[in-house]
Amino acid sequence: MREALAGRRAAAEGDDAAFVDADIALHAATVASARNPVLTDLFGEFAPVLREGLIELLDLLGLRGTDLRHGEDAHADVVRAVEAGDPEEAARLTRKELESTLALLQSTP
């Protein structure tokens, strides 16, 4: 997960597609850390659709216009919680990030 987090950070300087690919790689590493083959397969199945949706979301909300590393701190916090073996904290942080994104979507005209 640390390697994937570093990859996401490095991809921030690239275009939205490269950034999303690195973001999805981080999420895939996080899912794989659960060691649940069903969950891993499920993530793999919807990753292509997720990729397209995230690229559109970045464009729609202009999230990287002012912050190329959008969400870096939140993602790093989730990685730390997973590494610490604290699933409740990881879930709380993930919900917080999703709620923040939902609020941005709801405020978009």
C-alpha atoms as a PDB file:
ATOM      1  CA  MET A   1       0.000   0.000   0.000  1.00  0.00           C
ATOM      2  CA  ARG A   2       2.868   2.381   0.734  1.00  0.00           C
ATOM      3  CA  GLU A   3       4.259   1.805  -2.744  1.00  0.00           C
ATOM      4  CA  ALA A   4       0.845   2.443  -4.290  1.00  0.00           C
ATOM      5  CA  LEU A   5       0.436   5.588  -2.166  1.00  0.00           C
ATOM      6  CA  ALA A   6       3.817   6.820  -3.421  1.00  0.00           C
ATOM      7  CA  GLY A   7       2.723   6.002  -6.973  1.00  0.00           C
ATOM      8  CA  ARG A   8      -0.427   8.056  -6.494  1.00  0.00           C
ATOM      9  CA  ARG A   9       1.640  10.946  -5.187  1.00  0.00           C
ATOM     10  CA  ALA A  10       4.021  10.741  -8.171  1.00  0.00           C
ATOM     11  CA  ALA A  11       1.132  10.527 -10.652  1.00  0.00           C
ATOM     12  CA  ALA A  12      -0.286  13.797  -9.326  1.00  0.00           C
ATOM     13  CA  GLU A  13       1.985  15.646 -11.732  1.00  0.00           C
ATOM     14  CA  GLY A  14       0.459  13.797 -14.702  1.00  0.00           C
ATOM     15  CA  ASP A  15      -2.900  14.086 -16.380  1.00  0.00           C
ATOM     16  CA  ASP A  16      -6.199  13.054 -14.805  1.00  0.00           C
ATOM     17  CA  ALA A  17      -6.142   9.576 -16.367  1.00  0.00           C
ATOM     18  CA  ALA A  18      -2.680   8.796 -14.972  1.00  0.00           C
ATOM     19  CA  PHE A  19      -3.705  10.143 -11.578  1.00  0.00           C
ATOM     20  CA  VAL A  20      -6.894   8.034 -11.554  1.00  0.00           C
ATOM     21  CA  ASP A  21      -4.960   4.930 -12.612  1.00  0.00           C
ATOM     22  CA  ALA A  22      -2.579   5.421  -9.686  1.00  0.00           C
ATOM     23  CA  ASP A  23      -5.514   6.121  -7.347  1.00  0.00           C
ATOM     24  CA  ILE A  24      -7.220   2.908  -8.417  1.00  0.00           C
ATOM     25  CA  ALA A  25      -3.968   0.997  -7.915  1.00  0.00           C
ATOM     26  CA  LEU A  26      -3.905   2.285  -4.334  1.00  0.00           C
ATOM     27  CA  HIS A  27      -7.499   1.246  -3.788  1.00  0.00           C
ATOM     28  CA  ALA A  28      -6.762  -2.172  -5.304  1.00  0.00           C
ATOM     29  CA  ALA A  29      -3.823  -2.610  -2.917  1.00  0.00           C
ATOM     30  CA  THR A  30      -6.042  -1.647   0.000  1.00  0.00           C
ATOM     31  CA  VAL A  31      -8.723  -4.116  -1.087  1.00  0.00           C
ATOM     32  CA  ALA A  32      -6.084  -6.827  -1.546  1.00  0.00           C
ATOM     33  CA  SER A  33      -4.875  -6.231   2.012  1.00  0.00           C
ATOM     34  CA  ALA A  34      -8.197  -7.651   3.229  1.00  0.00           C
ATOM     35  CA  ARG A  35      -7.131 -10.998   1.729  1.00  0.00           C
ATOM     36  CA  ASN A  36     -10.674 -11.641   0.579  1.00  0.00           C
ATOM     37  CA  PRO A  37     -10.641 -13.087  -2.945  1.00  0.00           C
ATOM     38  CA  VAL A  38     -14.318 -12.317  -3.507  1.00  0.00           C
ATOM     39  CA  LEU A  39     -13.811  -8.657  -2.617  1.00  0.00           C
ATOM     40  CA  THR A  40     -10.649  -8.496  -4.728  1.00  0.00           C
ATOM     41  CA  ASP A  41     -12.441 -10.011  -7.739  1.00  0.00           C
ATOM     42  CA  LEU A  42     -15.419  -7.696  -7.259  1.00  0.00           C
ATOM     43  CA  PHE A  43     -13.153  -4.649  -7.191  1.00  0.00           C
ATOM     44  CA  GLY A  44     -11.394  -5.872 -10.324  1.00  0.00           C
ATOM     45  CA  GLU A  45     -14.729  -6.225 -12.101  1.00  0.00           C
ATOM     46  CA  PHE A  46     -15.908  -2.685 -11.462  1.00  0.00           C
ATOM     47  CA  ALA A  47     -12.512  -0.932 -11.651  1.00  0.00           C
ATOM     48  CA  PRO A  48     -12.853  -0.052 -15.368  1.00  0.00           C
ATOM     49  CA  VAL A  49     -16.216   1.644 -14.780  1.00  0.00           C
ATOM     50  CA  LEU A  50     -14.834   3.304 -11.649  1.00  0.00           C
ATOM     51  CA  ARG A  51     -11.906   4.625 -13.687  1.00  0.00           C
ATOM     52  CA  GLU A  52     -14.140   6.334 -16.223  1.00  0.00           C
ATOM     53  CA  GLY A  53     -16.370   7.736 -13.480  1.00  0.00           C
ATOM     54  CA  LEU A  54     -13.453   9.142 -11.520  1.00  0.00           C
ATOM     55  CA  ILE A  55     -11.954  10.808 -14.565  1.00  0.00           C
ATOM     56  CA  GLU A  56     -15.326  12.426 -15.290  1.00  0.00           C
ATOM     57  CA  LEU A  57     -15.700  13.408 -11.628  1.00  0.00           C
ATOM     58  CA  LEU A  58     -12.317  15.137 -11.556  1.00  0.00           C
ATOM     59  CA  ASP A  59     -13.265  17.074 -14.661  1.00  0.00           C
ATOM     60  CA  LEU A  60     -16.805  17.882 -13.497  1.00  0.00           C
ATOM     61  CA  LEU A  61     -15.718  19.184 -10.111  1.00  0.00           C
ATOM     62  CA  GLY A  62     -12.377  20.631 -11.206  1.00  0.00           C
ATOM     63  CA  LEU A  63     -10.824  18.963  -8.180  1.00  0.00           C
ATOM     64  CA  ARG A  64      -7.287  18.961  -9.472  1.00  0.00           C
ATOM     65  CA  GLY A  65      -7.463  22.498 -10.859  1.00  0.00           C
ATOM     66  CA  THR A  66      -6.296  23.938  -7.578  1.00  0.00           C
ATOM     67  CA  ASP A  67      -4.885  20.812  -5.909  1.00  0.00           C
ATOM     68  CA  LEU A  68      -3.047  18.324  -8.122  1.00  0.00           C
ATOM     69  CA  ARG A  69      -2.768  15.913  -5.192  1.00  0.00           C
ATOM     70  CA  HIS A  70      -6.435  16.008  -4.302  1.00  0.00           C
ATOM     71  CA  GLY A  71      -7.214  13.689  -1.395  1.00  0.00           C
ATOM     72  CA  GLU A  72      -3.595  12.806  -0.634  1.00  0.00           C
ATOM     73  CA  ASP A  73      -3.855  13.351   3.115  1.00  0.00           C
ATOM     74  CA  ALA A  74      -7.124  11.416   3.361  1.00  0.00           C
ATOM     75  CA  HIS A  75      -5.689   8.488   1.420  1.00  0.00           C
ATOM     76  CA  ALA A  76      -2.526   8.473   3.543  1.00  0.00           C
ATOM     77  CA  ASP A  77      -4.654   8.448   6.696  1.00  0.00           C
ATOM     78  CA  VAL A  78      -6.616   5.412   5.462  1.00  0.00           C
ATOM     79  CA  VAL A  79      -3.385   3.581   4.615  1.00  0.00           C
ATOM     80  CA  ARG A  80      -2.052   4.278   8.107  1.00  0.00           C
ATOM     81  CA  ALA A  81      -5.257   2.970   9.688  1.00  0.00           C
ATOM     82  CA  VAL A  82      -5.132  -0.218   7.609  1.00  0.00           C
ATOM     83  CA  GLU A  83      -1.456  -0.727   8.412  1.00  0.00           C
ATOM     84  CA  ALA A  84      -2.239  -0.238  12.102  1.00  0.00           C
ATOM     85  CA  GLY A  85      -4.888  -2.953  11.883  1.00  0.00           C
ATOM     86  CA  ASP A  86      -7.685  -0.526  12.770  1.00  0.00           C
ATOM     87  CA  PRO A  87     -10.591  -1.333  10.448  1.00  0.00           C
ATOM     88  CA  GLU A  88     -13.010   0.917  12.321  1.00  0.00           C
ATOM     89  CA  GLU A  89     -10.771   3.947  11.816  1.00  0.00           C
ATOM     90  CA  ALA A  90     -10.160   3.032   8.180  1.00  0.00           C
ATOM     91  CA  ALA A  91     -13.921   2.766   7.634  1.00  0.00           C
ATOM     92  CA  ARG A  92     -14.555   6.073   9.440  1.00  0.00           C
ATOM     93  CA  LEU A  93     -11.952   7.874   7.346  1.00  0.00           C
ATOM     94  CA  THR A  94     -13.290   6.353   4.143  1.00  0.00           C
ATOM     95  CA  ARG A  95     -16.845   7.413   4.985  1.00  0.00           C
ATOM     96  CA  LYS A  96     -15.609  10.923   5.766  1.00  0.00           C
ATOM     97  CA  GLU A  97     -13.892  11.174   2.365  1.00  0.00           C
ATOM     98  CA  LEU A  98     -16.939   9.801   0.527  1.00  0.00           C
ATOM     99  CA  GLU A  99     -19.239  12.221   2.359  1.00  0.00           C
ATOM    100  CA  SER A 100     -16.957  15.099   1.403  1.00  0.00           C
ATOM    101  CA  THR A 101     -17.086  14.063  -2.256  1.00  0.00           C
ATOM    102  CA  LEU A 102     -20.865  13.674  -2.096  1.00  0.00           C
ATOM    103  CA  ALA A 103     -21.181  17.173  -0.632  1.00  0.00           C
ATOM    104  CA  LEU A 104     -19.127  18.550  -3.524  1.00  0.00           C
ATOM    105  CA  LEU A 105     -21.379  16.768  -6.013  1.00  0.00           C
ATOM    106  CA  GLN A 106     -24.501  18.080  -4.350  1.00  0.00           C
ATOM    107  CA  SER A 107     -23.195  21.638  -4.454  1.00  0.00           C
ATOM    108  CA  THR A 108     -22.388  21.453  -8.183  1.00  0.00           C
ATOM    109  CA  PRO A 109     -24.960  23.224 -10.357  1.00  0.00           C
END
